[in-house]
């Protein structure tokens, strides 16, 4: 029998036993991490340095890139270090910190995406009131509310997860400390404590989802009423990157946590975790830069400036 007081570390899932495969895992994760780090860092720097991008839409994109950087930096570097040094352990406090930070960044990102849907709704459906409704103070308050909501969500989940008694050992069948895998180690009666928190989280998640869907129903209705084709194209270009990011975030998250328990396996759980924890942070900068000329121009200007300074 194990309890939270009988061990001071968890054992994470190892990707391979041979050095060659461990190096392959390290290289793949390093490539994805560098792509996410470089893409999000460029967007953050471009928005901060270009005064033309100091608008509500880019302010929220700035925050989204910060959250993406935080979420992937919470899990991937530790997994890479474990492969490089041929170890699988993470301290009890380190695991708790990883759970807290990952839930914090992911939750705050979801709330921020909901706020960004409201921003797009006001821009398309209430353009005459955009300056009033989306002023700098209002944007700061909405972004702060997203970060604060993520923080409270993370505190609640972390406190409930690590207040349970662990009876099934300390081996987490995942490459990072994922709450569902940790709860598999708990006693059956202790697991019930987390059920209430999960129900509350689902209610908030559904509320945000319904808000995003209703916002886009009204957005597309308004766009289709625009008489000029150029106006419709411009409106769609404003909304499609955000809609693509929301779809990617929700599809990977829903598949991870709503897949049938009977279909669960270590390999499938691992693949899904990689999908929802690493794919959005790496792909989001590409989605926003592909269809946004202002952002592409700012990125080109930033890259040219860096190259000139190096010569």
C-alpha atoms as a PDB file:
ATOM      1  CA  UNK A   1       0.000   0.000   0.000  1.00  0.00           C
ATOM      2  CA  UNK A   2       1.237   3.453  -0.938  1.00  0.00           C
ATOM      3  CA  UNK A   3       0.065   6.826   0.288  1.00  0.00           C
ATOM      4  CA  UNK A   4       1.212  10.332  -0.395  1.00  0.00           C
ATOM      5  CA  UNK A   5       3.431  10.158   2.677  1.00  0.00           C
ATOM      6  CA  UNK A   6       5.211   6.922   1.674  1.00  0.00           C
ATOM      7  CA  UNK A   7       7.121   8.290  -1.345  1.00  0.00           C
ATOM      8  CA  UNK A   8       8.602  11.603  -2.367  1.00  0.00           C
ATOM      9  CA  UNK A   9       8.754  11.159  -6.127  1.00  0.00           C
ATOM     10  CA  UNK A  10       6.795   9.858  -9.106  1.00  0.00           C
ATOM     11  CA  UNK A  11       8.075   7.704 -11.949  1.00  0.00           C
ATOM     12  CA  UNK A  12       7.117   8.955 -15.405  1.00  0.00           C
ATOM     13  CA  UNK A  13       6.654   6.854 -18.518  1.00  0.00           C
ATOM     14  CA  UNK A  14       9.864   6.098 -20.388  1.00  0.00           C
ATOM     15  CA  UNK A  15       9.776   6.291 -24.172  1.00  0.00           C
ATOM     16  CA  UNK A  16      12.505   3.724 -24.811  1.00  0.00           C
ATOM     17  CA  UNK A  17      15.161   1.611 -23.154  1.00  0.00           C
ATOM     18  CA  UNK A  18      17.899   1.980 -25.770  1.00  0.00           C
ATOM     19  CA  UNK A  19      20.089   5.058 -26.035  1.00  0.00           C
ATOM     20  CA  UNK A  20      19.404   5.499 -29.758  1.00  0.00           C
ATOM     21  CA  UNK A  21      15.621   5.676 -29.265  1.00  0.00           C
ATOM     22  CA  UNK A  22      16.021   7.988 -26.285  1.00  0.00           C
ATOM     23  CA  UNK A  23      18.097  10.328 -28.436  1.00  0.00           C
ATOM     24  CA  UNK A  24      15.446  10.135 -31.160  1.00  0.00           C
ATOM     25  CA  UNK A  25      12.762  11.093 -28.632  1.00  0.00           C
ATOM     26  CA  UNK A  26      14.959  13.936 -27.384  1.00  0.00           C
ATOM     27  CA  UNK A  27      15.554  15.200 -30.930  1.00  0.00           C
ATOM     28  CA  UNK A  28      11.878  15.089 -31.930  1.00  0.00           C
ATOM     29  CA  UNK A  29      10.730  16.850 -28.777  1.00  0.00           C
ATOM     30  CA  UNK A  30      13.538  19.389 -29.125  1.00  0.00           C
ATOM     31  CA  UNK A  31      12.489  20.175 -32.699  1.00  0.00           C
ATOM     32  CA  UNK A  32       8.845  20.681 -31.724  1.00  0.00           C
ATOM     33  CA  UNK A  33       9.799  22.738 -28.682  1.00  0.00           C
ATOM     34  CA  UNK A  34      12.154  24.995 -30.646  1.00  0.00           C
ATOM     35  CA  UNK A  35       9.484  25.527 -33.321  1.00  0.00           C
ATOM     36  CA  UNK A  36       6.944  26.522 -30.659  1.00  0.00           C
ATOM     37  CA  UNK A  37       9.451  28.663 -28.780  1.00  0.00           C
ATOM     38  CA  UNK A  38      10.692  30.469 -31.880  1.00  0.00           C
ATOM     39  CA  UNK A  39       7.228  31.009 -33.376  1.00  0.00           C
ATOM     40  CA  UNK A  40       5.636  32.345 -30.215  1.00  0.00           C
ATOM     41  CA  UNK A  41       8.684  34.431 -29.290  1.00  0.00           C
ATOM     42  CA  UNK A  42       8.673  36.086 -32.715  1.00  0.00           C
ATOM     43  CA  UNK A  43       4.986  36.937 -32.400  1.00  0.00           C
ATOM     44  CA  UNK A  44       5.464  38.329 -28.868  1.00  0.00           C
ATOM     45  CA  UNK A  45       8.439  40.450 -29.962  1.00  0.00           C
ATOM     46  CA  UNK A  46       6.791  41.654 -33.174  1.00  0.00           C
ATOM     47  CA  UNK A  47       3.632  42.765 -31.384  1.00  0.00           C
ATOM     48  CA  UNK A  48       5.599  44.450 -28.596  1.00  0.00           C
ATOM     49  CA  UNK A  49       7.881  46.354 -30.992  1.00  0.00           C
ATOM     50  CA  UNK A  50       5.464  47.356 -33.769  1.00  0.00           C
ATOM     51  CA  UNK A  51       3.120  50.162 -32.684  1.00  0.00           C
ATOM     52  CA  UNK A  52       0.754  49.314 -35.577  1.00  0.00           C
ATOM     53  CA  UNK A  53      -0.043  46.046 -33.805  1.00  0.00           C
ATOM     54  CA  UNK A  54      -1.025  47.717 -30.539  1.00  0.00           C
ATOM     55  CA  UNK A  55      -4.698  46.883 -31.028  1.00  0.00           C
ATOM     56  CA  UNK A  56      -7.063  44.649 -29.013  1.00  0.00           C
ATOM     57  CA  UNK A  57      -6.775  41.703 -31.421  1.00  0.00           C
ATOM     58  CA  UNK A  58      -2.975  41.647 -31.243  1.00  0.00           C
ATOM     59  CA  UNK A  59      -3.005  42.339 -27.512  1.00  0.00           C
ATOM     60  CA  UNK A  60      -4.948  39.114 -27.003  1.00  0.00           C
ATOM     61  CA  UNK A  61      -2.679  37.297 -29.478  1.00  0.00           C
ATOM     62  CA  UNK A  62       0.293  38.497 -27.421  1.00  0.00           C
ATOM     63  CA  UNK A  63      -1.265  36.899 -24.328  1.00  0.00           C
ATOM     64  CA  UNK A  64      -2.098  33.717 -26.256  1.00  0.00           C
ATOM     65  CA  UNK A  65       1.533  33.313 -27.321  1.00  0.00           C
ATOM     66  CA  UNK A  66       2.675  33.788 -23.722  1.00  0.00           C
ATOM     67  CA  UNK A  67       0.301  31.042 -22.593  1.00  0.00           C
ATOM     68  CA  UNK A  68       1.416  28.711 -25.384  1.00  0.00           C
ATOM     69  CA  UNK A  69       5.035  29.235 -24.399  1.00  0.00           C
ATOM     70  CA  UNK A  70       4.211  28.547 -20.779  1.00  0.00           C
ATOM     71  CA  UNK A  71       2.214  25.367 -21.416  1.00  0.00           C
ATOM     72  CA  UNK A  72       4.793  23.652 -23.627  1.00  0.00           C
ATOM     73  CA  UNK A  73       7.681  24.769 -21.391  1.00  0.00           C
ATOM     74  CA  UNK A  74       6.005  23.132 -18.407  1.00  0.00           C
ATOM     75  CA  UNK A  75       6.108  19.571 -19.773  1.00  0.00           C
ATOM     76  CA  UNK A  76       8.503  19.129 -22.692  1.00  0.00           C
ATOM     77  CA  UNK A  77      11.884  20.228 -21.217  1.00  0.00           C
ATOM     78  CA  UNK A  78      11.509  17.813 -18.287  1.00  0.00           C
ATOM     79  CA  UNK A  79      10.696  14.937 -20.654  1.00  0.00           C
ATOM     80  CA  UNK A  80      13.700  15.798 -22.826  1.00  0.00           C
ATOM     81  CA  UNK A  81      15.979  15.946 -19.778  1.00  0.00           C
ATOM     82  CA  UNK A  82      14.745  12.544 -18.609  1.00  0.00           C
ATOM     83  CA  UNK A  83      15.551  11.007 -21.997  1.00  0.00           C
ATOM     84  CA  UNK A  84      18.936  12.678 -22.184  1.00  0.00           C
ATOM     85  CA  UNK A  85      19.989  11.608 -18.688  1.00  0.00           C
ATOM     86  CA  UNK A  86      18.201   8.227 -18.799  1.00  0.00           C
ATOM     87  CA  UNK A  87      15.999   8.895 -15.794  1.00  0.00           C
ATOM     88  CA  UNK A  88      12.240   8.725 -15.289  1.00  0.00           C
ATOM     89  CA  UNK A  89      11.704  10.325 -11.890  1.00  0.00           C
ATOM     90  CA  UNK A  90      10.129  13.635 -10.916  1.00  0.00           C
ATOM     91  CA  UNK A  91       9.891  14.863  -7.360  1.00  0.00           C
ATOM     92  CA  UNK A  92       6.547  14.995  -5.575  1.00  0.00           C
ATOM     93  CA  UNK A  93       6.696  18.799  -5.383  1.00  0.00           C
ATOM     94  CA  UNK A  94       7.901  18.987  -8.992  1.00  0.00           C
ATOM     95  CA  UNK A  95       4.954  16.891 -10.123  1.00  0.00           C
ATOM     96  CA  UNK A  96       2.533  19.116  -8.205  1.00  0.00           C
ATOM     97  CA  UNK A  97       4.133  22.212  -9.742  1.00  0.00           C
ATOM     98  CA  UNK A  98       3.874  20.675 -13.212  1.00  0.00           C
ATOM     99  CA  UNK A  99       0.175  19.889 -12.714  1.00  0.00           C
ATOM    100  CA  UNK A 100      -0.515  23.389 -11.426  1.00  0.00           C
ATOM    101  CA  UNK A 101       1.340  25.210 -14.206  1.00  0.00           C
ATOM    102  CA  UNK A 102      -0.018  23.052 -17.025  1.00  0.00           C
ATOM    103  CA  UNK A 103      -3.637  23.382 -15.854  1.00  0.00           C
ATOM    104  CA  UNK A 104      -3.087  27.097 -15.291  1.00  0.00           C
ATOM    105  CA  UNK A 105      -1.777  27.785 -18.800  1.00  0.00           C
ATOM    106  CA  UNK A 106      -4.267  25.502 -20.574  1.00  0.00           C
ATOM    107  CA  UNK A 107      -7.283  26.851 -18.636  1.00  0.00           C
ATOM    108  CA  UNK A 108      -6.230  30.475 -19.075  1.00  0.00           C
ATOM    109  CA  UNK A 109      -5.773  29.852 -22.812  1.00  0.00           C
ATOM    110  CA  UNK A 110      -9.294  28.474 -23.114  1.00  0.00           C
ATOM    111  CA  UNK A 111     -10.762  31.479 -21.301  1.00  0.00           C
ATOM    112  CA  UNK A 112      -8.643  33.811 -23.434  1.00  0.00           C
ATOM    113  CA  UNK A 113      -9.892  32.159 -26.629  1.00  0.00           C
ATOM    114  CA  UNK A 114     -13.423  32.834 -25.374  1.00  0.00           C
ATOM    115  CA  UNK A 115     -12.542  36.505 -24.861  1.00  0.00           C
ATOM    116  CA  UNK A 116     -11.020  36.619 -28.344  1.00  0.00           C
ATOM    117  CA  UNK A 117     -14.308  35.296 -29.766  1.00  0.00           C
ATOM    118  CA  UNK A 118     -16.059  38.239 -28.098  1.00  0.00           C
ATOM    119  CA  UNK A 119     -13.481  40.602 -29.615  1.00  0.00           C
ATOM    120  CA  UNK A 120     -14.184  39.225 -33.102  1.00  0.00           C
ATOM    121  CA  UNK A 121     -17.944  39.443 -32.444  1.00  0.00           C
ATOM    122  CA  UNK A 122     -17.745  43.122 -31.510  1.00  0.00           C
ATOM    123  CA  UNK A 123     -15.443  43.904 -34.454  1.00  0.00           C
ATOM    124  CA  UNK A 124     -17.796  42.313 -37.011  1.00  0.00           C
ATOM    125  CA  UNK A 125     -21.260  42.779 -35.500  1.00  0.00           C
ATOM    126  CA  UNK A 126     -20.803  46.014 -33.487  1.00  0.00           C
ATOM    127  CA  UNK A 127     -18.109  47.931 -35.408  1.00  0.00           C
ATOM    128  CA  UNK A 128     -19.406  51.374 -34.409  1.00  0.00           C
ATOM    129  CA  UNK A 129     -19.094  50.478 -30.721  1.00  0.00           C
ATOM    130  CA  UNK A 130     -15.741  48.669 -31.013  1.00  0.00           C
ATOM    131  CA  UNK A 131     -13.662  51.536 -29.666  1.00  0.00           C
ATOM    132  CA  UNK A 132     -15.929  51.841 -26.614  1.00  0.00           C
ATOM    133  CA  UNK A 133     -16.419  48.166 -25.830  1.00  0.00           C
ATOM    134  CA  UNK A 134     -12.816  47.139 -26.546  1.00  0.00           C
ATOM    135  CA  UNK A 135     -10.879  50.006 -25.028  1.00  0.00           C
ATOM    136  CA  UNK A 136      -7.450  49.446 -23.521  1.00  0.00           C
ATOM    137  CA  UNK A 137      -8.804  49.240 -19.974  1.00  0.00           C
ATOM    138  CA  UNK A 138     -11.553  46.794 -20.969  1.00  0.00           C
ATOM    139  CA  UNK A 139      -9.050  44.586 -22.823  1.00  0.00           C
ATOM    140  CA  UNK A 140      -6.687  44.575 -19.850  1.00  0.00           C
ATOM    141  CA  UNK A 141      -9.522  43.570 -17.533  1.00  0.00           C
ATOM    142  CA  UNK A 142     -10.656  40.738 -19.821  1.00  0.00           C
ATOM    143  CA  UNK A 143      -7.111  39.399 -20.220  1.00  0.00           C
ATOM    144  CA  UNK A 144      -6.549  39.642 -16.464  1.00  0.00           C
ATOM    145  CA  UNK A 145      -9.824  37.787 -15.871  1.00  0.00           C
ATOM    146  CA  UNK A 146      -8.663  34.967 -18.189  1.00  0.00           C
ATOM    147  CA  UNK A 147      -5.328  34.643 -16.366  1.00  0.00           C
ATOM    148  CA  UNK A 148      -7.001  34.842 -12.938  1.00  0.00           C
ATOM    149  CA  UNK A 149      -9.615  32.231 -13.893  1.00  0.00           C
ATOM    150  CA  UNK A 150      -6.860  29.902 -15.061  1.00  0.00           C
ATOM    151  CA  UNK A 151      -5.000  30.432 -11.783  1.00  0.00           C
ATOM    152  CA  UNK A 152      -8.066  29.627  -9.658  1.00  0.00           C
ATOM    153  CA  UNK A 153      -8.850  26.602 -11.821  1.00  0.00           C
ATOM    154  CA  UNK A 154      -5.277  25.338 -11.397  1.00  0.00           C
ATOM    155  CA  UNK A 155      -5.307  25.848  -7.619  1.00  0.00           C
ATOM    156  CA  UNK A 156      -8.578  23.958  -7.315  1.00  0.00           C
ATOM    157  CA  UNK A 157      -7.472  20.983  -9.424  1.00  0.00           C
ATOM    158  CA  UNK A 158      -3.977  20.758  -7.939  1.00  0.00           C
ATOM    159  CA  UNK A 159      -5.234  20.928  -4.356  1.00  0.00           C
ATOM    160  CA  UNK A 160      -7.856  18.249  -4.987  1.00  0.00           C
ATOM    161  CA  UNK A 161      -5.526  15.966  -6.943  1.00  0.00           C
ATOM    162  CA  UNK A 162      -2.752  15.934  -4.355  1.00  0.00           C
ATOM    163  CA  UNK A 163      -5.048  15.734  -1.338  1.00  0.00           C
ATOM    164  CA  UNK A 164      -6.033  12.171  -2.259  1.00  0.00           C
ATOM    165  CA  UNK A 165      -4.448   9.032  -0.849  1.00  0.00           C
ATOM    166  CA  UNK A 166      -2.409   6.999  -3.327  1.00  0.00           C
ATOM    167  CA  UNK A 167      -2.830   3.243  -3.074  1.00  0.00           C
ATOM    168  CA  UNK A 168      -1.658   2.099  -6.507  1.00  0.00           C
ATOM    169  CA  UNK A 169       2.025   2.987  -6.431  1.00  0.00           C
ATOM    170  CA  UNK A 170       3.828   5.993  -7.877  1.00  0.00           C
ATOM    171  CA  UNK A 171       4.238   5.098 -11.573  1.00  0.00           C
ATOM    172  CA  UNK A 172       2.529   7.687 -13.823  1.00  0.00           C
ATOM    173  CA  UNK A 173       1.871   6.203 -17.270  1.00  0.00           C
ATOM    174  CA  UNK A 174       2.489   9.464 -19.091  1.00  0.00           C
ATOM    175  CA  UNK A 175       5.512  11.589 -20.071  1.00  0.00           C
ATOM    176  CA  UNK A 176       4.376  14.345 -17.692  1.00  0.00           C
ATOM    177  CA  UNK A 177       2.230  14.574 -14.570  1.00  0.00           C
ATOM    178  CA  UNK A 178      -1.238  14.398 -16.094  1.00  0.00           C
ATOM    179  CA  UNK A 179      -4.181  14.539 -13.692  1.00  0.00           C
ATOM    180  CA  UNK A 180      -6.133  11.513 -15.060  1.00  0.00           C
ATOM    181  CA  UNK A 181      -3.024   9.337 -14.837  1.00  0.00           C
ATOM    182  CA  UNK A 182      -2.262  10.520 -11.303  1.00  0.00           C
ATOM    183  CA  UNK A 183      -5.821   9.830 -10.189  1.00  0.00           C
ATOM    184  CA  UNK A 184      -5.448   6.244 -11.399  1.00  0.00           C
ATOM    185  CA  UNK A 185      -3.024   5.815  -8.510  1.00  0.00           C
ATOM    186  CA  UNK A 186      -5.520   7.005  -5.905  1.00  0.00           C
ATOM    187  CA  UNK A 187      -7.839   4.978  -3.698  1.00  0.00           C
ATOM    188  CA  UNK A 188     -11.388   4.646  -5.032  1.00  0.00           C
ATOM    189  CA  UNK A 189     -12.937   6.679  -2.213  1.00  0.00           C
ATOM    190  CA  UNK A 190     -10.336   9.437  -2.548  1.00  0.00           C
ATOM    191  CA  UNK A 191     -11.025   9.727  -6.273  1.00  0.00           C
ATOM    192  CA  UNK A 192     -14.572  10.913  -5.544  1.00  0.00           C
ATOM    193  CA  UNK A 193     -13.220  14.196  -4.162  1.00  0.00           C
ATOM    194  CA  UNK A 194     -12.114  15.207  -7.644  1.00  0.00           C
ATOM    195  CA  UNK A 195     -15.472  14.376  -9.243  1.00  0.00           C
ATOM    196  CA  UNK A 196     -17.125  17.570  -7.984  1.00  0.00           C
ATOM    197  CA  UNK A 197     -14.278  19.708  -9.324  1.00  0.00           C
ATOM    198  CA  UNK A 198     -14.462  17.936 -12.686  1.00  0.00           C
ATOM    199  CA  UNK A 199     -18.223  18.576 -12.912  1.00  0.00           C
ATOM    200  CA  UNK A 200     -17.741  22.286 -12.169  1.00  0.00           C
ATOM    201  CA  UNK A 201     -14.944  22.484 -14.759  1.00  0.00           C
ATOM    202  CA  UNK A 202     -17.115  20.811 -17.380  1.00  0.00           C
ATOM    203  CA  UNK A 203     -19.903  23.308 -16.713  1.00  0.00           C
ATOM    204  CA  UNK A 204     -17.549  26.258 -17.199  1.00  0.00           C
ATOM    205  CA  UNK A 205     -16.031  24.643 -20.310  1.00  0.00           C
ATOM    206  CA  UNK A 206     -19.467  24.068 -21.816  1.00  0.00           C
ATOM    207  CA  UNK A 207     -20.468  27.636 -21.009  1.00  0.00           C
ATOM    208  CA  UNK A 208     -17.410  28.988 -22.847  1.00  0.00           C
ATOM    209  CA  UNK A 209     -18.019  26.604 -25.743  1.00  0.00           C
ATOM    210  CA  UNK A 210     -21.639  27.714 -26.119  1.00  0.00           C
ATOM    211  CA  UNK A 211     -20.543  31.372 -25.975  1.00  0.00           C
ATOM    212  CA  UNK A 212     -17.955  30.812 -28.731  1.00  0.00           C
ATOM    213  CA  UNK A 213     -20.463  28.943 -30.930  1.00  0.00           C
ATOM    214  CA  UNK A 214     -23.166  31.614 -30.508  1.00  0.00           C
ATOM    215  CA  UNK A 215     -20.627  34.357 -31.214  1.00  0.00           C
ATOM    216  CA  UNK A 216     -19.582  32.753 -34.482  1.00  0.00           C
ATOM    217  CA  UNK A 217     -23.164  32.069 -35.532  1.00  0.00           C
ATOM    218  CA  UNK A 218     -23.819  35.814 -35.274  1.00  0.00           C
ATOM    219  CA  UNK A 219     -20.467  36.647 -36.883  1.00  0.00           C
ATOM    220  CA  UNK A 220     -21.093  34.489 -39.945  1.00  0.00           C
ATOM    221  CA  UNK A 221     -24.653  35.783 -40.209  1.00  0.00           C
ATOM    222  CA  UNK A 222     -23.337  39.347 -40.243  1.00  0.00           C
ATOM    223  CA  UNK A 223     -20.531  38.538 -42.695  1.00  0.00           C
ATOM    224  CA  UNK A 224     -22.908  36.939 -45.184  1.00  0.00           C
ATOM    225  CA  UNK A 225     -24.929  40.166 -45.183  1.00  0.00           C
ATOM    226  CA  UNK A 226     -21.944  42.257 -46.310  1.00  0.00           C
ATOM    227  CA  UNK A 227     -22.688  43.260 -49.923  1.00  0.00           C
ATOM    228  CA  UNK A 228     -19.128  43.421 -51.286  1.00  0.00           C
ATOM    229  CA  UNK A 229     -17.032  40.305 -51.829  1.00  0.00           C
ATOM    230  CA  UNK A 230     -13.923  42.160 -50.687  1.00  0.00           C
ATOM    231  CA  UNK A 231     -15.623  43.085 -47.412  1.00  0.00           C
ATOM    232  CA  UNK A 232     -16.672  39.493 -46.786  1.00  0.00           C
ATOM    233  CA  UNK A 233     -13.152  38.256 -47.545  1.00  0.00           C
ATOM    234  CA  UNK A 234     -11.633  40.772 -45.123  1.00  0.00           C
ATOM    235  CA  UNK A 235     -14.098  39.803 -42.387  1.00  0.00           C
ATOM    236  CA  UNK A 236     -13.431  36.092 -42.866  1.00  0.00           C
ATOM    237  CA  UNK A 237      -9.672  36.725 -42.790  1.00  0.00           C
ATOM    238  CA  UNK A 238     -10.084  38.395 -39.400  1.00  0.00           C
ATOM    239  CA  UNK A 239     -11.980  35.444 -37.935  1.00  0.00           C
ATOM    240  CA  UNK A 240     -10.619  32.301 -39.578  1.00  0.00           C
ATOM    241  CA  UNK A 241      -7.246  32.190 -37.719  1.00  0.00           C
ATOM    242  CA  UNK A 242      -8.984  32.423 -34.351  1.00  0.00           C
ATOM    243  CA  UNK A 243     -11.588  29.868 -35.391  1.00  0.00           C
ATOM    244  CA  UNK A 244      -8.840  27.494 -36.562  1.00  0.00           C
ATOM    245  CA  UNK A 245      -6.966  27.861 -33.244  1.00  0.00           C
ATOM    246  CA  UNK A 246     -10.174  27.266 -31.253  1.00  0.00           C
ATOM    247  CA  UNK A 247     -11.012  24.196 -33.345  1.00  0.00           C
ATOM    248  CA  UNK A 248      -7.518  22.760 -32.873  1.00  0.00           C
ATOM    249  CA  UNK A 249      -7.579  23.413 -29.128  1.00  0.00           C
ATOM    250  CA  UNK A 250     -11.040  21.951 -28.573  1.00  0.00           C
ATOM    251  CA  UNK A 251     -10.671  18.933 -30.879  1.00  0.00           C
ATOM    252  CA  UNK A 252      -7.413  17.760 -29.295  1.00  0.00           C
ATOM    253  CA  UNK A 253      -8.644  18.423 -25.740  1.00  0.00           C
ATOM    254  CA  UNK A 254     -12.033  16.763 -26.249  1.00  0.00           C
ATOM    255  CA  UNK A 255     -10.441  13.719 -27.838  1.00  0.00           C
ATOM    256  CA  UNK A 256      -8.000  13.459 -24.942  1.00  0.00           C
ATOM    257  CA  UNK A 257     -10.560  13.606 -22.143  1.00  0.00           C
ATOM    258  CA  UNK A 258     -13.764  12.324 -23.753  1.00  0.00           C
ATOM    259  CA  UNK A 259     -12.451   9.226 -25.503  1.00  0.00           C
ATOM    260  CA  UNK A 260     -14.074   5.962 -24.294  1.00  0.00           C
ATOM    261  CA  UNK A 261     -12.350   4.438 -21.292  1.00  0.00           C
ATOM    262  CA  UNK A 262     -12.475   1.047 -23.014  1.00  0.00           C
ATOM    263  CA  UNK A 263     -10.362   2.445 -25.859  1.00  0.00           C
ATOM    264  CA  UNK A 264      -7.693   3.684 -23.455  1.00  0.00           C
ATOM    265  CA  UNK A 265      -4.197   2.234 -23.713  1.00  0.00           C
ATOM    266  CA  UNK A 266      -0.767   3.454 -22.745  1.00  0.00           C
ATOM    267  CA  UNK A 267       0.273   4.059 -26.353  1.00  0.00           C
ATOM    268  CA  UNK A 268      -2.979   5.828 -27.249  1.00  0.00           C
ATOM    269  CA  UNK A 269      -2.913   7.967 -24.095  1.00  0.00           C
ATOM    270  CA  UNK A 270       0.673   8.944 -24.888  1.00  0.00           C
ATOM    271  CA  UNK A 271      -0.142   9.883 -28.493  1.00  0.00           C
ATOM    272  CA  UNK A 272      -3.168  11.917 -27.439  1.00  0.00           C
ATOM    273  CA  UNK A 273      -1.192  13.724 -24.725  1.00  0.00           C
ATOM    274  CA  UNK A 274       1.485  14.684 -27.252  1.00  0.00           C
ATOM    275  CA  UNK A 275      -1.270  15.873 -29.590  1.00  0.00           C
ATOM    276  CA  UNK A 276      -3.077  18.197 -27.175  1.00  0.00           C
ATOM    277  CA  UNK A 277      -0.081  19.415 -25.157  1.00  0.00           C
ATOM    278  CA  UNK A 278       2.444  20.040 -27.959  1.00  0.00           C
ATOM    279  CA  UNK A 279       0.589  20.529 -31.241  1.00  0.00           C
ATOM    280  CA  UNK A 280      -1.382  23.750 -30.476  1.00  0.00           C
ATOM    281  CA  UNK A 281       1.599  25.748 -29.101  1.00  0.00           C
ATOM    282  CA  UNK A 282       3.688  24.767 -32.136  1.00  0.00           C
ATOM    283  CA  UNK A 283       0.999  25.320 -34.778  1.00  0.00           C
ATOM    284  CA  UNK A 284      -0.798  28.425 -33.444  1.00  0.00           C
ATOM    285  CA  UNK A 285       1.910  30.910 -34.552  1.00  0.00           C
ATOM    286  CA  UNK A 286       1.826  29.402 -38.044  1.00  0.00           C
ATOM    287  CA  UNK A 287      -1.979  29.668 -38.228  1.00  0.00           C
ATOM    288  CA  UNK A 288      -2.002  33.337 -37.257  1.00  0.00           C
ATOM    289  CA  UNK A 289       0.939  34.371 -39.450  1.00  0.00           C
ATOM    290  CA  UNK A 290      -0.316  32.592 -42.595  1.00  0.00           C
ATOM    291  CA  UNK A 291      -3.521  34.626 -43.024  1.00  0.00           C
ATOM    292  CA  UNK A 292      -2.515  37.902 -41.392  1.00  0.00           C
ATOM    293  CA  UNK A 293      -0.628  40.310 -43.639  1.00  0.00           C
ATOM    294  CA  UNK A 294       0.009  42.877 -40.884  1.00  0.00           C
ATOM    295  CA  UNK A 295       1.587  40.235 -38.663  1.00  0.00           C
ATOM    296  CA  UNK A 296       3.632  38.791 -41.543  1.00  0.00           C
ATOM    297  CA  UNK A 297       4.954  42.249 -42.403  1.00  0.00           C
ATOM    298  CA  UNK A 298       5.880  42.888 -38.763  1.00  0.00           C
ATOM    299  CA  UNK A 299       7.651  39.509 -38.552  1.00  0.00           C
ATOM    300  CA  UNK A 300       9.585  40.180 -41.777  1.00  0.00           C
ATOM    301  CA  UNK A 301      10.612  43.589 -40.473  1.00  0.00           C
ATOM    302  CA  UNK A 302      11.747  42.049 -37.180  1.00  0.00           C
ATOM    303  CA  UNK A 303      13.750  39.287 -38.881  1.00  0.00           C
ATOM    304  CA  UNK A 304      15.398  41.771 -41.251  1.00  0.00           C
ATOM    305  CA  UNK A 305      16.330  43.970 -38.295  1.00  0.00           C
ATOM    306  CA  UNK A 306      17.934  41.022 -36.496  1.00  0.00           C
ATOM    307  CA  UNK A 307      19.875  39.998 -39.608  1.00  0.00           C
ATOM    308  CA  UNK A 308      21.151  43.542 -40.161  1.00  0.00           C
ATOM    309  CA  UNK A 309      22.362  43.785 -36.561  1.00  0.00           C
ATOM    310  CA  UNK A 310      24.261  40.503 -36.899  1.00  0.00           C
ATOM    311  CA  UNK A 311      26.140  41.653 -40.024  1.00  0.00           C
END
